[in-house]
Amino acid sequence: MSKAIVRPERCQGCRYCIKACPKGAISIVSELNKKGLQPVVIDQEKCIACGACYIVCPDYVFEIAE
């Protein structure tokens, strides 16, 4: 089964992925990344690995893996 993987160190906090996710599986975390920004996290229980987050992300935060 495929799943989306997040690289929080790349996240700029634009939140495009949150708006694009059809299942509401993506949210912002309270901890800051190395850039001092709040990265996103994926709820793997809700994620269907559709790739919407991967498509809209300008910072290459997401990977869809088998």
N, C-alpha and C. Protein backbone atom coordinates (compact mmCIF):
# COMPACT_ATOMS: atom_id res chain seq x y z
N MET A 1 0.84 -1.19 0.00
CA MET A 1 0.00 0.00 0.00
C MET A 1 0.89 1.25 0.00
N SER A 2 0.58 2.20 -0.84
CA SER A 2 1.34 3.45 -0.92
C SER A 2 1.04 4.35 0.27
N LYS A 3 2.00 5.22 0.57
CA LYS A 3 1.78 6.21 1.60
C LYS A 3 2.59 7.45 1.28
N ALA A 4 2.17 8.57 1.83
CA ALA A 4 2.88 9.83 1.65
C ALA A 4 3.88 10.00 2.78
N ILE A 5 5.07 10.44 2.41
CA ILE A 5 6.13 10.69 3.38
C ILE A 5 6.43 12.18 3.38
N VAL A 6 6.61 12.76 4.56
CA VAL A 6 6.88 14.19 4.71
C VAL A 6 8.34 14.42 5.07
N ARG A 7 8.93 15.42 4.47
CA ARG A 7 10.27 15.88 4.86
C ARG A 7 10.08 17.25 5.52
N PRO A 8 9.87 17.28 6.84
CA PRO A 8 9.53 18.53 7.53
C PRO A 8 10.59 19.62 7.43
N GLU A 9 11.84 19.24 7.23
CA GLU A 9 12.91 20.24 7.13
C GLU A 9 12.79 21.09 5.86
N ARG A 10 12.05 20.61 4.88
CA ARG A 10 11.85 21.36 3.63
C ARG A 10 10.62 22.26 3.66
N CYS A 11 9.74 22.04 4.61
CA CYS A 11 8.45 22.72 4.65
C CYS A 11 8.59 24.21 4.96
N GLN A 12 7.94 25.04 4.12
CA GLN A 12 7.92 26.49 4.30
C GLN A 12 6.62 26.96 4.95
N GLY A 13 5.70 26.03 5.22
CA GLY A 13 4.45 26.37 5.88
C GLY A 13 3.44 27.09 5.00
N CYS A 14 3.49 26.88 3.69
CA CYS A 14 2.56 27.58 2.78
C CYS A 14 1.12 27.06 2.92
N ARG A 15 0.96 25.83 3.35
CA ARG A 15 -0.34 25.20 3.60
C ARG A 15 -1.14 24.88 2.35
N TYR A 16 -0.52 24.93 1.19
CA TYR A 16 -1.22 24.53 -0.04
C TYR A 16 -1.68 23.08 0.06
N CYS A 17 -0.85 22.25 0.65
CA CYS A 17 -1.16 20.82 0.77
C CYS A 17 -2.39 20.57 1.64
N ILE A 18 -2.54 21.37 2.68
CA ILE A 18 -3.70 21.21 3.57
C ILE A 18 -4.99 21.46 2.79
N LYS A 19 -4.99 22.50 1.97
CA LYS A 19 -6.16 22.82 1.15
C LYS A 19 -6.40 21.78 0.07
N ALA A 20 -5.33 21.17 -0.45
CA ALA A 20 -5.45 20.21 -1.55
C ALA A 20 -5.85 18.81 -1.11
N CYS A 21 -5.61 18.47 0.14
CA CYS A 21 -5.85 17.10 0.60
C CYS A 21 -7.36 16.79 0.67
N PRO A 22 -7.83 15.82 -0.12
CA PRO A 22 -9.26 15.52 -0.13
C PRO A 22 -9.76 14.81 1.13
N LYS A 23 -8.86 14.27 1.91
CA LYS A 23 -9.23 13.52 3.12
C LYS A 23 -8.96 14.28 4.41
N GLY A 24 -8.40 15.48 4.33
CA GLY A 24 -8.09 16.24 5.53
C GLY A 24 -7.03 15.57 6.38
N ALA A 25 -6.08 14.90 5.72
CA ALA A 25 -5.07 14.12 6.43
C ALA A 25 -3.84 14.94 6.82
N ILE A 26 -3.76 16.19 6.38
CA ILE A 26 -2.57 16.99 6.62
C ILE A 26 -2.89 18.14 7.56
N SER A 27 -2.00 18.35 8.53
CA SER A 27 -2.17 19.46 9.48
C SER A 27 -0.81 20.04 9.84
N ILE A 28 -0.84 21.18 10.49
CA ILE A 28 0.37 21.87 10.93
C ILE A 28 0.73 21.37 12.33
N VAL A 29 2.02 21.17 12.60
CA VAL A 29 2.47 20.78 13.93
C VAL A 29 2.93 22.02 14.70
N SER A 30 2.99 21.93 15.99
CA SER A 30 3.37 23.08 16.81
C SER A 30 4.88 23.27 16.90
N GLU A 31 5.66 22.19 16.71
CA GLU A 31 7.11 22.31 16.77
C GLU A 31 7.63 23.00 15.52
N LEU A 32 8.71 23.74 15.68
CA LEU A 32 9.31 24.43 14.55
C LEU A 32 10.38 23.56 13.89
N ASN A 33 10.52 23.71 12.56
CA ASN A 33 11.60 23.00 11.88
C ASN A 33 12.88 23.82 11.99
N LYS A 34 13.94 23.39 11.33
CA LYS A 34 15.24 24.07 11.43
C LYS A 34 15.20 25.49 10.89
N LYS A 35 14.22 25.79 10.04
CA LYS A 35 14.07 27.12 9.48
C LYS A 35 13.22 28.04 10.36
N GLY A 36 12.72 27.50 11.48
CA GLY A 36 11.88 28.27 12.38
C GLY A 36 10.44 28.36 11.94
N LEU A 37 10.02 27.44 11.08
CA LEU A 37 8.65 27.42 10.55
C LEU A 37 7.91 26.19 11.06
N GLN A 38 6.60 26.27 11.05
CA GLN A 38 5.78 25.14 11.48
C GLN A 38 5.52 24.23 10.28
N PRO A 39 6.10 23.03 10.28
CA PRO A 39 5.89 22.11 9.15
C PRO A 39 4.57 21.35 9.27
N VAL A 40 4.27 20.61 8.23
CA VAL A 40 3.05 19.81 8.21
C VAL A 40 3.36 18.37 8.63
N VAL A 41 2.30 17.68 8.98
CA VAL A 41 2.37 16.26 9.33
C VAL A 41 1.17 15.58 8.67
N ILE A 42 1.34 14.30 8.33
CA ILE A 42 0.27 13.53 7.70
C ILE A 42 -0.27 12.50 8.68
N ASP A 43 -1.60 12.43 8.78
CA ASP A 43 -2.27 11.38 9.53
C ASP A 43 -2.36 10.19 8.58
N GLN A 44 -1.51 9.20 8.78
CA GLN A 44 -1.43 8.05 7.87
C GLN A 44 -2.72 7.22 7.85
N GLU A 45 -3.52 7.33 8.89
CA GLU A 45 -4.80 6.61 8.92
C GLU A 45 -5.78 7.20 7.92
N LYS A 46 -5.70 8.50 7.68
CA LYS A 46 -6.60 9.18 6.75
C LYS A 46 -6.04 9.24 5.33
N CYS A 47 -4.72 9.21 5.20
CA CYS A 47 -4.06 9.39 3.90
C CYS A 47 -4.38 8.24 2.95
N ILE A 48 -4.74 8.61 1.70
CA ILE A 48 -5.00 7.61 0.66
C ILE A 48 -3.91 7.63 -0.42
N ALA A 49 -2.84 8.38 -0.18
CA ALA A 49 -1.70 8.47 -1.10
C ALA A 49 -2.12 8.87 -2.51
N CYS A 50 -3.02 9.85 -2.59
CA CYS A 50 -3.53 10.29 -3.88
C CYS A 50 -2.53 11.17 -4.63
N GLY A 51 -1.59 11.78 -3.91
CA GLY A 51 -0.57 12.61 -4.53
C GLY A 51 -0.93 14.08 -4.67
N ALA A 52 -2.09 14.49 -4.18
CA ALA A 52 -2.48 15.89 -4.29
C ALA A 52 -1.47 16.80 -3.57
N CYS A 53 -0.99 16.39 -2.44
CA CYS A 53 0.00 17.17 -1.69
C CYS A 53 1.30 17.29 -2.48
N TYR A 54 1.71 16.19 -3.07
CA TYR A 54 2.93 16.15 -3.88
C TYR A 54 2.84 17.11 -5.07
N ILE A 55 1.70 17.15 -5.70
CA ILE A 55 1.49 17.98 -6.89
C ILE A 55 1.54 19.47 -6.56
N VAL A 56 0.91 19.89 -5.46
CA VAL A 56 0.81 21.33 -5.17
C VAL A 56 2.00 21.88 -4.39
N CYS A 57 2.81 21.05 -3.81
CA CYS A 57 3.90 21.53 -2.95
C CYS A 57 5.05 22.13 -3.76
N PRO A 58 5.35 23.42 -3.54
CA PRO A 58 6.45 24.05 -4.26
C PRO A 58 7.83 23.73 -3.68
N ASP A 59 7.87 23.09 -2.51
CA ASP A 59 9.13 22.87 -1.81
C ASP A 59 9.57 21.40 -1.75
N TYR A 60 8.92 20.55 -2.49
CA TYR A 60 9.28 19.12 -2.57
C TYR A 60 9.32 18.46 -1.18
N VAL A 61 8.29 18.75 -0.39
CA VAL A 61 8.19 18.22 0.96
C VAL A 61 7.71 16.76 0.95
N PHE A 62 6.92 16.37 -0.05
CA PHE A 62 6.25 15.07 -0.04
C PHE A 62 6.87 14.08 -1.02
N GLU A 63 6.75 12.81 -0.65
CA GLU A 63 7.13 11.70 -1.52
C GLU A 63 6.04 10.67 -1.36
N ILE A 64 5.62 10.07 -2.47
CA ILE A 64 4.64 8.99 -2.41
C ILE A 64 5.43 7.70 -2.59
N ALA A 65 5.39 6.85 -1.58
CA ALA A 65 6.20 5.63 -1.57
C ALA A 65 5.31 4.39 -1.54
N GLU A 66 5.82 3.34 -2.10
CA GLU A 66 5.11 2.04 -2.10
C GLU A 66 5.24 1.40 -0.75
